N, C-alpha and C. Protein backbone atom coordinates (compact mmCIF):
# COMPACT_ATOMS: atom_id res chain seq x y z
N MET A 1 0.41 -1.80 0.00
CA MET A 1 0.17 0.25 0.21
C MET A 1 0.46 0.75 0.24
N LYS A 2 1.58 0.80 1.03
CA LYS A 2 2.43 2.38 0.68
C LYS A 2 3.38 2.76 -0.33
N GLU A 3 3.93 1.47 -0.96
CA GLU A 3 4.08 1.40 -2.54
C GLU A 3 3.20 2.78 -3.76
N PHE A 4 2.75 2.00 -3.10
CA PHE A 4 1.04 2.45 -4.44
C PHE A 4 0.54 3.94 -3.94
N GLN A 5 1.11 4.41 -2.92
CA GLN A 5 0.76 6.01 -1.97
C GLN A 5 1.82 6.39 -2.62
N ASP A 6 2.83 6.03 -2.67
CA ASP A 6 4.16 6.70 -3.48
C ASP A 6 4.16 7.44 -4.89
N ASN A 7 3.59 5.68 -5.94
CA ASN A 7 3.33 5.85 -7.29
C ASN A 7 2.40 6.99 -7.38
N ILE A 8 1.16 7.58 -6.94
CA ILE A 8 0.02 8.29 -7.25
C ILE A 8 0.40 10.00 -6.31
N LYS A 9 1.35 10.25 -5.56
CA LYS A 9 1.93 11.07 -5.42
C LYS A 9 2.42 12.42 -6.10
N VAL A 10 1.71 13.25 -6.13
CA VAL A 10 1.59 14.45 -6.80
C VAL A 10 3.09 14.90 -6.47
N ALA A 11 4.05 14.76 -8.16
CA ALA A 11 5.67 15.56 -7.55
C ALA A 11 4.68 16.66 -7.09
N SER A 12 5.88 17.41 -6.33
CA SER A 12 5.50 19.54 -6.28
C SER A 12 7.14 19.03 -5.95
N GLU A 13 7.06 20.55 -6.54
CA GLU A 13 8.22 21.73 -6.81
C GLU A 13 8.86 21.54 -5.40
N GLU A 14 8.90 21.54 -4.64
CA GLU A 14 9.32 21.71 -3.55
C GLU A 14 10.09 20.74 -2.76
N ALA A 15 11.05 20.31 -2.29
CA ALA A 15 12.09 19.81 -2.12
C ALA A 15 11.45 19.65 -0.50
N GLU A 16 11.71 18.50 -0.54
CA GLU A 16 11.64 17.08 0.14
C GLU A 16 12.32 17.23 1.97
N LEU A 17 11.96 17.06 3.17
CA LEU A 17 13.35 16.54 3.95
C LEU A 17 13.40 15.59 4.06
N THR A 18 14.30 15.10 4.71
CA THR A 18 15.79 13.92 4.87
C THR A 18 14.78 13.12 6.37
N GLU A 19 14.69 11.54 6.74
CA GLU A 19 14.03 11.61 7.83
C GLU A 19 14.89 12.05 8.95
N GLU A 20 16.33 12.46 8.99
CA GLU A 20 16.99 13.20 9.91
C GLU A 20 16.62 14.38 9.98
N GLU A 21 16.09 15.36 8.48
CA GLU A 21 15.78 16.81 9.30
C GLU A 21 14.06 16.51 9.56
N LYS A 22 13.81 15.73 9.40
CA LYS A 22 12.33 15.39 9.57
C LYS A 22 12.50 15.35 11.65
N GLU A 23 13.09 14.16 11.75
CA GLU A 23 13.30 13.71 13.29
C GLU A 23 13.62 15.54 14.09
N PHE A 24 14.97 16.20 13.37
CA PHE A 24 15.35 16.97 14.15
C PHE A 24 14.38 18.51 13.96
N ASN A 25 13.24 18.45 13.05
CA ASN A 25 12.29 19.60 13.13
C ASN A 25 11.18 19.21 14.39
N LYS A 26 11.12 17.73 14.13
CA LYS A 26 10.42 17.19 15.86
C LYS A 26 10.70 17.45 16.77
N ALA A 27 11.79 17.32 17.38
CA ALA A 27 12.44 17.62 18.37
C ALA A 27 13.00 19.19 18.55
N ASN A 28 12.79 19.93 17.64
CA ASN A 28 13.41 21.09 18.30
C ASN A 28 10.91 21.72 18.31
N GLN A 29 10.51 20.99 18.36
CA GLN A 29 8.64 21.43 18.03
C GLN A 29 8.62 21.58 19.99
N SER A 30 9.78 20.28 19.81
CA SER A 30 8.50 20.09 22.01
C SER A 30 9.11 21.40 22.49
N SER A 31 9.29 22.41 22.38
CA SER A 31 9.77 23.62 23.00
C SER A 31 8.52 24.43 22.28
N ASN A 32 7.11 24.74 22.56
CA ASN A 32 6.48 25.85 21.27
C ASN A 32 6.86 27.57 21.89
N TRP A 33 8.80 27.66 22.08
CA TRP A 33 9.32 29.48 22.29
C TRP A 33 9.62 28.97 21.49
N GLY A 34 9.69 30.07 20.66
CA GLY A 34 10.66 30.97 19.33
C GLY A 34 11.67 31.30 19.43
N ALA A 35 12.78 32.09 18.43
CA ALA A 35 13.88 32.87 19.19
C ALA A 35 13.50 34.08 19.40
N ASP A 36 12.70 34.85 19.57
CA ASP A 36 12.34 36.04 19.71
C ASP A 36 11.89 35.46 21.79
N GLY A 37 11.24 34.71 22.14
CA GLY A 37 10.53 33.75 23.38
C GLY A 37 9.43 34.00 23.65
N ALA A 38 9.22 34.26 22.39
CA ALA A 38 7.50 34.06 21.43
C ALA A 38 6.99 33.40 21.02
N ALA A 39 5.39 32.05 21.69
CA ALA A 39 5.38 31.06 21.67
C ALA A 39 5.04 30.81 20.25
N ALA A 40 5.75 30.36 19.09
CA ALA A 40 5.49 29.60 18.19
C ALA A 40 4.40 29.17 17.61
N GLU A 41 4.43 29.11 16.89
CA GLU A 41 2.98 28.21 16.13
C GLU A 41 3.50 26.79 15.46
N PRO A 42 2.57 26.12 15.55
CA PRO A 42 3.20 25.30 14.68
C PRO A 42 3.29 24.57 14.03
N ALA A 43 4.00 24.11 13.39
CA ALA A 43 4.12 23.82 11.99
C ALA A 43 2.69 23.04 11.30
N ALA A 44 1.84 23.74 9.66
CA ALA A 44 0.96 22.73 9.89
C ALA A 44 1.35 21.70 9.15
N ALA A 45 0.58 21.49 9.15
CA ALA A 45 0.30 19.55 8.88
C ALA A 45 0.11 19.03 7.60
N SER A 46 -0.30 19.97 6.69
CA SER A 46 -0.16 19.24 4.97
C SER A 46 0.75 18.13 4.04
N GLY A 47 -0.49 17.20 4.71
CA GLY A 47 -0.11 15.83 4.03
C GLY A 47 0.88 16.06 1.99
N PRO A 48 1.09 14.88 1.61
CA PRO A 48 1.59 15.23 0.30
C PRO A 48 0.00 15.06 -0.25
N ASN A 49 0.34 15.43 -1.78
CA ASN A 49 -1.29 15.52 -2.62
C ASN A 49 -1.42 14.35 -3.79
N PHE A 50 -2.02 13.82 -3.50
CA PHE A 50 -2.21 12.25 -4.44
C PHE A 50 -3.23 12.93 -5.51
N PHE A 51 -2.80 12.31 -6.94
CA PHE A 51 -3.87 11.83 -7.73
C PHE A 51 -5.03 11.85 -7.68
N LEU A 52 -5.87 12.81 -8.34
CA LEU A 52 -7.57 12.40 -7.94
C LEU A 52 -7.74 11.58 -8.93
N PRO A 53 -8.94 10.26 -8.49
CA PRO A 53 -9.93 9.15 -8.91
C PRO A 53 -9.59 9.78 -10.75
N SER A 54 -10.20 11.17 -11.09
CA SER A 54 -10.72 11.14 -12.40
C SER A 54 -9.52 11.60 -12.92
N GLN A 55 -8.28 11.83 -12.92
CA GLN A 55 -7.18 11.96 -13.17
C GLN A 55 -6.24 10.98 -14.25
N LEU A 56 -7.15 9.90 -13.37
CA LEU A 56 -6.17 8.29 -13.63
C LEU A 56 -7.61 7.75 -14.63
N TYR A 57 -7.60 8.01 -15.26
CA TYR A 57 -8.66 7.70 -16.50
C TYR A 57 -7.76 6.67 -17.33
N LYS A 58 -6.47 6.17 -17.02
CA LYS A 58 -5.85 5.16 -18.40
C LYS A 58 -5.99 3.79 -17.69
N LEU A 59 -5.79 2.52 -18.89
CA LEU A 59 -5.67 1.78 -18.32
C LEU A 59 -5.38 1.04 -19.41
N GLU A 60 -4.06 -0.22 -18.48
CA GLU A 60 -3.54 -0.93 -19.46
C GLU A 60 -3.43 -2.54 -19.23
N LEU A 61 -4.62 -2.86 -20.36
CA LEU A 61 -4.61 -4.38 -20.40
C LEU A 61 -3.07 -5.09 -21.10
N LYS A 62 -2.97 -6.43 -20.48
CA LYS A 62 -1.66 -7.63 -21.29
C LYS A 62 -2.60 -8.19 -20.89
N GLU A 63 -2.80 -9.23 -21.82
CA GLU A 63 -3.88 -10.20 -22.65
C GLU A 63 -3.08 -10.47 -23.47
N VAL A 64 -3.32 -12.65 -22.96
CA VAL A 64 -3.29 -12.96 -24.49
C VAL A 64 -3.92 -13.60 -25.45
N MET A 65 -3.21 -13.86 -26.74
CA MET A 65 -5.00 -14.45 -27.39
C MET A 65 -4.06 -15.57 -28.12
N PHE A 66 -5.16 -15.91 -27.95
CA PHE A 66 -4.88 -17.57 -29.08
C PHE A 66 -5.90 -18.29 -29.52
N PHE A 67 -5.59 -19.06 -30.41
CA PHE A 67 -6.38 -19.61 -31.54
C PHE A 67 -7.07 -21.37 -30.96
N ASP A 68 -7.65 -21.69 -31.04
CA ASP A 68 -8.52 -22.62 -31.23
C ASP A 68 -8.64 -23.57 -32.29
N LYS A 69 -7.97 -23.79 -32.91
CA LYS A 69 -8.28 -24.65 -34.35
C LYS A 69 -9.62 -25.45 -33.78
N GLN A 70 -9.93 -26.68 -33.01
CA GLN A 70 -11.33 -26.93 -33.23
C GLN A 70 -12.77 -25.92 -33.60
N ARG A 71 -12.22 -25.01 -32.74
CA ARG A 71 -13.35 -24.39 -32.97
C ARG A 71 -13.81 -23.33 -34.13
N SER A 72 -12.05 -22.81 -34.83
CA SER A 72 -11.39 -21.83 -35.37
C SER A 72 -12.46 -20.96 -34.88
N ARG A 73 -11.33 -20.42 -34.31
CA ARG A 73 -12.02 -18.88 -33.19
C ARG A 73 -10.13 -18.54 -32.58
N ILE A 74 -10.88 -16.72 -31.93
CA ILE A 74 -9.46 -16.66 -31.64
C ILE A 74 -10.01 -16.75 -29.88
N TYR A 75 -9.10 -16.29 -28.91
CA TYR A 75 -9.46 -16.05 -27.53
C TYR A 75 -9.35 -15.32 -26.53
N TYR A 76 -9.21 -14.51 -26.42
CA TYR A 76 -8.79 -13.58 -25.23
C TYR A 76 -8.66 -14.05 -23.64
N ASP A 77 -7.52 -14.45 -23.69
CA ASP A 77 -7.05 -13.97 -22.44
C ASP A 77 -6.92 -12.89 -21.18
N ILE A 78 -7.16 -11.95 -20.31
CA ILE A 78 -6.46 -10.52 -20.04
C ILE A 78 -5.70 -11.05 -18.83
N ILE A 79 -4.38 -10.85 -18.72
CA ILE A 79 -3.48 -11.62 -17.57
C ILE A 79 -4.13 -10.40 -16.64
N SER A 80 -3.42 -8.90 -16.76
CA SER A 80 -3.32 -7.90 -16.10
C SER A 80 -3.99 -7.27 -16.04
N ILE A 81 -4.81 -6.15 -15.04
CA ILE A 81 -4.67 -4.94 -15.70
C ILE A 81 -3.62 -3.12 -14.71
N SER A 82 -3.10 -2.51 -15.26
CA SER A 82 -2.57 -0.97 -15.36
C SER A 82 -3.55 -0.22 -14.73
N LEU A 83 -3.07 0.11 -14.11
CA LEU A 83 -3.09 1.77 -13.57
C LEU A 83 -2.05 3.14 -13.86
N ILE A 84 -2.33 3.39 -15.20
CA ILE A 84 -0.94 4.91 -15.53
C ILE A 84 -1.57 5.59 -14.91
N ILE A 85 -0.62 6.85 -15.11
CA ILE A 85 -0.23 7.72 -15.16
C ILE A 85 -0.06 8.85 -15.91
N PRO A 86 -1.20 9.62 -16.83
CA PRO A 86 -0.64 9.86 -17.85
C PRO A 86 -0.18 11.09 -18.33
N SER A 87 0.77 11.16 -19.08
CA SER A 87 2.11 11.64 -19.16
C SER A 87 2.07 13.43 -18.81
N GLU A 88 0.37 13.88 -19.50
CA GLU A 88 0.62 15.30 -19.31
C GLU A 88 0.15 15.64 -17.55
N LEU A 89 0.25 14.44 -16.64
CA LEU A 89 0.45 15.10 -15.02
C LEU A 89 1.56 14.76 -15.02
N ASN A 90 2.62 14.12 -15.32
CA ASN A 90 3.96 13.43 -14.83
C ASN A 90 5.47 14.98 -15.74
N PRO A 91 5.75 15.27 -14.30
CA PRO A 91 6.00 16.62 -14.78
C PRO A 91 7.96 16.01 -15.69
N LYS A 92 7.86 14.69 -15.54
CA LYS A 92 8.72 14.10 -16.80
C LYS A 92 7.85 13.19 -17.86
N GLY A 93 7.43 14.09 -18.56
CA GLY A 93 6.40 13.80 -19.76
C GLY A 93 6.20 11.92 -19.85
N ILE A 94 6.65 11.82 -18.95
CA ILE A 94 6.06 10.30 -19.35
C ILE A 94 4.67 9.81 -19.02
N GLU A 95 4.28 8.36 -19.26
CA GLU A 95 3.41 8.09 -19.32
C GLU A 95 3.79 6.83 -17.82
N ILE A 96 3.85 6.51 -16.97
CA ILE A 96 4.06 5.82 -15.76
C ILE A 96 2.86 4.27 -15.21
N SER A 97 3.25 3.61 -14.64
CA SER A 97 2.46 2.33 -13.89
C SER A 97 2.50 2.68 -13.06
N ALA A 98 0.93 3.07 -12.33
CA ALA A 98 1.10 3.07 -10.57
C ALA A 98 0.83 2.21 -9.74
N ALA A 99 0.43 0.92 -10.82
CA ALA A 99 -0.33 0.17 -9.67
C ALA A 99 -0.85 -1.20 -11.32
N SER A 100 0.43 -2.39 -11.10
CA SER A 100 -0.89 -3.24 -12.02
C SER A 100 -1.14 -4.13 -10.49
N PHE A 101 -2.75 -4.98 -11.42
CA PHE A 101 -3.01 -6.49 -10.92
C PHE A 101 -3.54 -7.24 -11.48
N LYS A 102 -3.62 -8.41 -11.38
CA LYS A 102 -4.10 -9.36 -12.21
C LYS A 102 -5.63 -9.09 -12.24
N TYR A 103 -6.28 -9.61 -12.89
CA TYR A 103 -7.44 -9.73 -14.08
C TYR A 103 -8.05 -10.64 -12.96
N LYS A 104 -7.24 -11.55 -12.92
CA LYS A 104 -8.22 -12.89 -12.06
C LYS A 104 -9.13 -12.56 -10.18
N ASP A 105 -7.76 -11.26 -9.64
CA ASP A 105 -8.08 -11.30 -8.70
C ASP A 105 -9.04 -9.54 -8.11
N LEU A 106 -8.74 -9.24 -9.59
CA LEU A 106 -9.90 -8.23 -9.43
C LEU A 106 -11.85 -8.42 -9.85
N VAL A 107 -11.62 -9.24 -9.66
CA VAL A 107 -13.09 -10.19 -10.19
C VAL A 107 -13.47 -10.95 -9.48
N GLU A 108 -11.92 -11.79 -8.64
CA GLU A 108 -12.81 -12.04 -7.48
C GLU A 108 -12.59 -11.36 -6.34
N ASN A 109 -11.89 -10.08 -6.09
CA ASN A 109 -12.09 -9.45 -4.87
C ASN A 109 -12.83 -8.16 -5.17
N VAL A 110 -12.62 -7.54 -6.28
CA VAL A 110 -13.72 -6.38 -6.04
C VAL A 110 -15.19 -5.96 -7.08
N PHE A 111 -14.75 -6.51 -8.84
CA PHE A 111 -15.22 -6.64 -9.77
C PHE A 111 -17.14 -7.43 -9.76
N MET A 112 -17.08 -8.67 -8.75
CA MET A 112 -18.11 -9.31 -8.13
C MET A 112 -18.20 -9.20 -6.85
N LYS A 113 -17.89 -8.43 -6.31
CA LYS A 113 -18.49 -7.94 -5.23
C LYS A 113 -18.94 -6.37 -4.28
N ASN A 114 -18.77 -5.71 -5.67
CA ASN A 114 -18.52 -4.28 -5.99
C ASN A 114 -20.00 -4.25 -6.44
N THR A 115 -21.11 -3.79 -5.74
CA THR A 115 -22.06 -3.05 -6.53
C THR A 115 -21.71 -1.46 -7.93
N ASN A 116 -21.01 -0.72 -6.98
CA ASN A 116 -20.51 -0.41 -7.59
C ASN A 116 -19.18 -0.11 -9.21
N ALA A 117 -19.02 -2.03 -9.39
CA ALA A 117 -18.48 -2.00 -10.33
C ALA A 117 -19.27 -2.19 -11.71
N VAL A 118 -20.01 -1.01 -12.20
CA VAL A 118 -20.29 -1.04 -13.92
C VAL A 118 -20.27 -0.58 -14.86
N TRP A 119 -20.64 -1.53 -15.79
CA TRP A 119 -20.10 -0.98 -17.08
C TRP A 119 -21.48 -0.03 -16.87
N VAL A 120 -21.36 1.15 -17.85
CA VAL A 120 -22.67 2.11 -17.57
C VAL A 120 -23.20 1.87 -19.67
N ASN A 121 -24.08 1.72 -19.94
CA ASN A 121 -24.83 1.23 -21.23
C ASN A 121 -25.70 2.41 -21.53
N PRO A 122 -24.51 3.97 -22.28
CA PRO A 122 -25.17 5.09 -22.50
C PRO A 122 -26.41 4.77 -23.79
N GLN A 123 -26.61 3.04 -24.09
CA GLN A 123 -27.47 4.09 -25.18
C GLN A 123 -28.50 2.92 -24.61
N ASN A 124 -28.78 2.04 -23.72
CA ASN A 124 -29.80 0.89 -23.15
C ASN A 124 -29.86 0.77 -21.70
N ASP A 125 -30.96 1.91 -20.35
CA ASP A 125 -30.54 1.70 -19.18
C ASP A 125 -30.94 0.95 -18.44
N ARG A 126 -31.29 -0.97 -19.42
CA ARG A 126 -31.25 -1.34 -18.38
C ARG A 126 -30.09 -2.74 -18.84
N GLU A 127 -29.34 -2.11 -19.81
CA GLU A 127 -28.24 -3.29 -20.24
C GLU A 127 -26.91 -2.66 -19.55
N HIS A 128 -26.98 -1.62 -17.75
CA HIS A 128 -25.45 -2.35 -17.69
C HIS A 128 -24.82 -2.87 -17.17
N LYS A 129 -23.79 -3.13 -17.35
CA LYS A 129 -23.08 -4.70 -17.13
C LYS A 129 -22.20 -4.18 -15.55
N ASN A 130 -22.14 -5.93 -14.62
CA ASN A 130 -20.45 -5.81 -14.23
C ASN A 130 -19.31 -5.91 -14.64
N LEU A 131 -18.08 -4.83 -14.65
CA LEU A 131 -16.61 -5.08 -14.94
C LEU A 131 -16.46 -5.77 -15.58
N ALA A 132 -16.39 -7.51 -14.84
CA ALA A 132 -15.64 -8.41 -15.41
C ALA A 132 -16.54 -8.73 -16.20
N SER A 133 -17.67 -8.84 -16.38
CA SER A 133 -19.12 -9.51 -17.29
C SER A 133 -18.64 -7.84 -18.51
N ALA A 134 -18.74 -6.70 -18.49
CA ALA A 134 -18.06 -5.77 -19.74
C ALA A 134 -16.59 -6.10 -20.67
N PHE A 135 -15.77 -6.58 -19.39
CA PHE A 135 -14.26 -6.82 -19.73
C PHE A 135 -13.82 -8.15 -20.85
N ASP A 136 -14.96 -9.44 -20.27
CA ASP A 136 -15.19 -10.72 -21.04
C ASP A 136 -16.35 -10.93 -22.63
N LEU A 137 -16.34 -9.65 -22.58
CA LEU A 137 -17.70 -9.42 -23.69
C LEU A 137 -16.84 -8.50 -23.20
N ARG A 138 -14.76 -7.65 -23.88
CA ARG A 138 -14.54 -7.01 -24.50
C ARG A 138 -15.17 -5.73 -25.06
N LEU A 139 -16.07 -4.90 -24.61
CA LEU A 139 -17.19 -3.65 -24.30
C LEU A 139 -16.12 -2.28 -23.94
N PHE A 140 -15.35 -2.67 -23.83
CA PHE A 140 -14.22 -1.30 -24.11
C PHE A 140 -14.06 -0.71 -25.01
N SER A 141 -12.78 0.09 -25.63
CA SER A 141 -12.37 0.79 -26.67
C SER A 141 -11.06 1.07 -26.23
N SER A 142 -10.60 0.59 -27.19
CA SER A 142 -8.92 0.73 -27.29
C SER A 142 -8.15 0.39 -27.91
N ARG A 143 -6.91 0.94 -27.94
CA ARG A 143 -5.49 0.83 -29.23
C ARG A 143 -4.48 -0.58 -28.71
N ILE A 144 -3.68 -0.91 -29.58
CA ILE A 144 -2.41 -1.70 -29.31
C ILE A 144 -1.12 -1.28 -28.96
N ILE A 145 -0.68 -1.20 -28.04
CA ILE A 145 0.57 -0.08 -27.97
C ILE A 145 1.89 -1.53 -28.13
N LYS A 146 1.50 -2.33 -28.07
CA LYS A 146 2.98 -3.38 -28.50
C LYS A 146 2.14 -4.72 -28.43
N VAL A 147 2.75 -5.39 -29.15
CA VAL A 147 2.48 -6.51 -29.93
C VAL A 147 4.24 -7.33 -30.00
N SER A 148 4.07 -9.06 -29.34
CA SER A 148 5.22 -9.48 -28.84
C SER A 148 6.55 -9.15 -30.10
N ASN A 149 7.64 -8.64 -30.33
CA ASN A 149 8.72 -8.63 -30.79
C ASN A 149 10.34 -8.88 -30.74
N PRO A 150 10.49 -9.18 -31.03
CA PRO A 150 12.56 -9.95 -30.74
C PRO A 150 13.25 -8.49 -29.63
N LYS A 151 12.96 -7.24 -28.90
CA LYS A 151 13.23 -6.36 -28.40
C LYS A 151 12.90 -6.34 -27.69
N ASP A 152 11.93 -6.53 -27.97
CA ASP A 152 9.99 -6.03 -25.98
C ASP A 152 10.22 -4.83 -26.61
N LYS A 153 9.70 -4.03 -27.83
CA LYS A 153 9.04 -2.97 -27.93
C LYS A 153 7.82 -2.61 -27.94
N TYR A 154 8.20 -1.50 -27.75
CA TYR A 154 6.31 -0.72 -27.28
C TYR A 154 6.47 -0.47 -29.63
N LEU A 155 5.29 -0.49 -29.70
CA LEU A 155 4.89 0.27 -31.14
C LEU A 155 5.78 1.16 -31.44
N GLU A 156 5.12 2.88 -30.74
CA GLU A 156 5.48 4.22 -30.81
C GLU A 156 7.27 4.65 -30.71
N GLU A 157 7.78 3.41 -29.62
CA GLU A 157 9.72 3.16 -30.45
C GLU A 157 9.30 2.28 -31.33
N ILE A 158 8.96 1.30 -31.73
CA ILE A 158 9.32 1.43 -33.35
C ILE A 158 9.74 1.59 -34.23
N TYR A 159 8.36 2.19 -34.52
CA TYR A 159 7.62 3.64 -35.66
C TYR A 159 7.82 4.85 -34.65
N SER A 160 9.21 5.46 -34.40
CA SER A 160 9.50 6.34 -33.92
C SER A 160 9.49 7.60 -34.58
N GLU A 161 9.66 7.73 -35.46
CA GLU A 161 10.06 8.94 -36.53
C GLU A 161 8.75 10.56 -36.35
N THR A 162 7.54 9.22 -36.22
CA THR A 162 6.20 10.15 -36.14
C THR A 162 5.97 10.28 -34.54
N GLN A 163 5.03 10.98 -34.11
CA GLN A 163 3.80 10.51 -33.65
C GLN A 163 2.24 9.19 -34.71
N LYS A 164 2.04 10.25 -34.89
CA LYS A 164 1.49 9.58 -36.32
C LYS A 164 1.60 8.63 -36.74
N GLN A 165 3.47 8.18 -36.89
CA GLN A 165 4.20 6.80 -37.11
C GLN A 165 2.74 5.78 -36.17
N GLY A 166 3.62 6.18 -35.02
CA GLY A 166 2.58 5.50 -34.30
C GLY A 166 1.34 4.32 -33.89
N LEU A 167 0.84 6.21 -34.04
CA LEU A 167 -0.81 6.02 -34.28
C LEU A 167 -1.37 4.74 -35.28
N LEU A 168 -0.37 5.19 -36.88
CA LEU A 168 -1.07 4.20 -37.56
C LEU A 168 -0.33 3.17 -37.73
N ALA A 169 0.29 2.37 -36.35
CA ALA A 169 1.18 1.26 -36.29
C ALA A 169 -0.55 0.28 -36.15
N SER A 170 0.09 1.06 -34.86
CA SER A 170 -1.76 0.65 -33.96
C SER A 170 -2.46 0.69 -34.95
N THR A 171 -2.82 1.52 -35.88
CA THR A 171 -3.78 0.62 -36.39
C THR A 171 -4.12 -0.27 -37.56
N TRP A 172 -2.55 -0.47 -37.33
CA TRP A 172 -2.02 -1.39 -39.02
C TRP A 172 -2.04 -2.97 -37.63
N ALA A 173 -1.67 -2.79 -37.12
CA ALA A 173 -1.35 -4.08 -36.46
C ALA A 173 -3.07 -4.49 -35.71
N GLU A 174 -3.85 -3.73 -35.44
CA GLU A 174 -5.40 -4.17 -34.94
C GLU A 174 -5.65 -5.12 -36.42
N MET A 175 -5.71 -3.51 -37.09
CA MET A 175 -6.58 -4.47 -38.59
C MET A 175 -6.23 -5.52 -39.03
N GLU A 176 -4.03 -5.51 -39.41
CA GLU A 176 -4.32 -7.31 -39.43
C GLU A 176 -4.53 -8.44 -38.04
N LEU A 177 -5.05 -8.04 -36.90
CA LEU A 177 -5.57 -9.09 -36.16
C LEU A 177 -6.65 -9.70 -37.19
N MET A 178 -7.46 -8.00 -37.11
CA MET A 178 -8.78 -8.58 -37.27
C MET A 178 -9.13 -9.85 -39.02
N GLU A 179 -7.68 -9.42 -39.41
CA GLU A 179 -7.73 -9.84 -41.28
C GLU A 179 -8.08 -11.49 -40.67
N PHE A 180 -6.99 -11.42 -39.48
CA PHE A 180 -6.77 -12.67 -39.15
C PHE A 180 -7.22 -13.65 -39.07
N GLU A 181 -8.37 -12.86 -38.40
CA GLU A 181 -9.30 -14.54 -37.74
C GLU A 181 -10.47 -14.00 -39.31
N HIS A 182 -10.58 -13.51 -39.80
CA HIS A 182 -11.92 -12.82 -40.43
C HIS A 182 -10.95 -14.78 -41.69
N ASN A 183 -10.34 -13.80 -41.57
CA ASN A 183 -9.56 -15.39 -43.24
C ASN A 183 -9.24 -16.36 -42.17
N LEU A 184 -10.62 -17.35 -41.57
CA LEU A 184 -9.56 -18.63 -40.24
C LEU A 184 -10.57 -18.86 -41.05
N TRP A 185 -10.97 -18.63 -41.06
CA TRP A 185 -12.68 -19.75 -42.24
C TRP A 185 -12.32 -20.01 -42.84
N GLU A 186 -10.71 -19.70 -43.79
CA GLU A 186 -10.52 -19.79 -45.52
C GLU A 186 -9.30 -21.05 -45.04
N PHE A 187 -9.03 -21.10 -43.78
CA PHE A 187 -7.94 -22.81 -44.01
C PHE A 187 -8.24 -23.26 -44.06
């Protein structure tokens, strides 16, 4: 939990105190008298700022795609879901993974037990689904950011000349997968 809280802490411009400096401040705050003999005001205990839940809107799914030749069908097995801090909120300008969760643990401990874990269908109020069902039915919208390759690189790293090429490579990978699944019936 401490590691997760450290990951979702908003980076500040101010320098943070070391443990020694914090202990020194605590020892010196025991006397409430300032240098001029007047009572000193206690330091305001302001905790660290954390990202708001609405700011952490990106998820990264890692999944395995496999082909069942008996049924001539492709199946997807979601392995993990990672909570991503968007690049516009990070001072370094890169996306950082705040936490990763095993998908099966999320289904058992969060999605099935929590009535608020709901995928909302905007077209039909009677068709809201549990998040586990929504992921299984692949109702999410996404783009492919990485496919297996020898150097284990993201598509944006492979096609890094322009941002547009990385996006086009993602679309191309999606179309190749759709075409592959469509042509399975011809084998």
